[in-house]
Amino acid sequence: MNTSLVDELSGLPGAEVAPSQWTGEPAIWVDGREIVHHHERWIEIRLTSKLINQLDDDRVLRRARTSDWVMVDEGEHDLVLELAGQAASANANSSL
């Protein structure tokens, strides 16, 4: 993730920047849960199944049918910010 995107995402309510548990690169965490990280050209965002099922956008790819993670091309800046905001709300105060 580029530095400016990390800076923008770190402004989400409850967000903290810490190394990704999968990549070691900077990631966004809320209440002890990793909610956004970067893999190659993809930004992965942790939503909930309910939110994912409501999505109707071909730019969003679900990682797996049972996964709470979606993938968005890193070039879709506004979409990444929108979904990351939803992820921050959905994962706030969640039990691990």
Protein backbone atom coordinates (compact mmCIF):
# COMPACT_ATOMS: atom_id res chain seq x y z
CA MET A 1 0.00 0.00 0.00
CA ASN A 2 1.36 3.38 -0.79
CA THR A 3 2.10 5.75 2.06
CA SER A 4 -0.67 8.22 1.21
CA LEU A 5 -3.31 5.47 1.26
CA VAL A 6 -2.02 4.18 4.60
CA ASP A 7 -2.19 7.75 5.94
CA GLU A 8 -5.79 8.14 4.73
CA LEU A 9 -6.87 4.77 6.11
CA SER A 10 -5.22 5.47 9.46
CA GLY A 11 -7.77 8.26 9.92
CA LEU A 12 -10.66 5.80 10.08
CA PRO A 13 -12.38 5.61 13.48
CA GLY A 14 -10.39 3.32 15.79
CA ALA A 15 -7.78 2.56 13.13
CA GLU A 16 -4.15 1.79 13.92
CA VAL A 17 -1.26 1.05 11.57
CA ALA A 18 0.71 -2.10 12.40
CA PRO A 19 2.45 -4.83 10.42
CA SER A 20 0.17 -7.26 8.63
CA GLN A 21 0.04 -10.70 10.18
CA TRP A 22 0.28 -12.13 6.64
CA THR A 23 2.65 -9.84 4.78
CA GLY A 24 4.57 -7.91 7.45
CA GLU A 25 3.87 -4.71 5.50
CA PRO A 26 1.88 -1.82 7.02
CA ALA A 27 -1.76 -2.76 7.52
CA ILE A 28 -4.81 -1.20 9.13
CA TRP A 29 -6.13 -2.69 12.36
CA VAL A 30 -9.29 -1.92 14.37
CA ASP A 31 -9.84 -3.32 17.87
CA GLY A 32 -7.13 -5.93 17.43
CA ARG A 33 -8.36 -7.15 14.02
CA GLU A 34 -6.53 -6.61 10.78
CA ILE A 35 -9.02 -5.05 8.37
CA VAL A 36 -6.91 -3.85 5.39
CA HIS A 37 -3.64 -5.06 3.87
CA HIS A 38 -1.93 -5.19 0.51
CA HIS A 39 -0.94 -8.16 -1.70
CA GLU A 40 0.80 -7.33 -4.98
CA ARG A 41 -1.74 -5.16 -6.84
CA TRP A 42 -4.67 -6.02 -4.57
CA ILE A 43 -5.95 -4.31 -1.45
CA GLU A 44 -7.68 -6.86 0.76
CA ILE A 45 -10.44 -5.63 3.05
CA ARG A 46 -12.13 -7.56 5.86
CA LEU A 47 -15.89 -7.04 5.71
CA THR A 48 -18.60 -9.30 7.11
CA SER A 49 -20.50 -11.94 5.17
CA LYS A 50 -23.62 -9.77 5.45
CA LEU A 51 -21.87 -6.76 3.89
CA ILE A 52 -20.22 -8.86 1.21
CA ASN A 53 -23.54 -10.42 0.24
CA GLN A 54 -25.01 -6.93 -0.21
CA LEU A 55 -22.23 -5.83 -2.59
CA ASP A 56 -23.10 -5.55 -6.24
CA ASP A 57 -19.88 -4.26 -7.76
CA ASP A 58 -17.79 -6.14 -10.30
CA ARG A 59 -14.67 -4.35 -9.03
CA VAL A 60 -14.89 -6.30 -5.77
CA LEU A 61 -13.72 -9.93 -5.68
CA ARG A 62 -14.49 -12.25 -2.79
CA ARG A 63 -11.45 -14.28 -1.73
CA ALA A 64 -13.48 -17.39 -0.97
CA ARG A 65 -17.13 -18.18 -0.36
CA THR A 66 -16.63 -18.47 3.39
CA SER A 67 -14.12 -15.63 3.73
CA ASP A 68 -14.81 -12.19 5.23
CA TRP A 69 -12.11 -10.74 2.95
CA VAL A 70 -12.64 -9.07 -0.41
CA MET A 71 -10.04 -7.91 -2.92
CA VAL A 72 -10.04 -4.59 -4.75
CA ASP A 73 -7.51 -3.43 -7.33
CA GLU A 74 -5.17 -0.88 -5.75
CA GLY A 75 -6.15 1.60 -8.48
CA GLU A 76 -9.73 1.80 -7.15
CA HIS A 77 -8.78 4.37 -4.51
CA ASP A 78 -12.26 5.70 -3.69
CA LEU A 79 -13.76 2.21 -3.53
CA VAL A 80 -10.96 1.08 -1.18
CA LEU A 81 -11.70 4.04 1.13
CA GLU A 82 -15.44 3.36 1.06
CA LEU A 83 -15.12 -0.34 1.83
CA ALA A 84 -12.42 0.24 4.45
CA GLY A 85 -14.79 2.60 6.24
CA GLN A 86 -17.45 -0.11 6.24
CA ALA A 87 -14.87 -2.61 7.48
CA ALA A 88 -13.79 -0.32 10.33
CA SER A 89 -17.41 0.00 11.50
CA ALA A 90 -18.18 -3.71 11.06
CA ASN A 91 -15.06 -4.84 12.93
CA ALA A 92 -15.12 -2.31 15.77
CA ASN A 93 -15.43 -3.90 19.18
CA SER A 94 -15.66 -7.34 17.59
CA SER A 95 -14.86 -10.40 19.61
CA LEU A 96 -11.96 -12.41 18.24
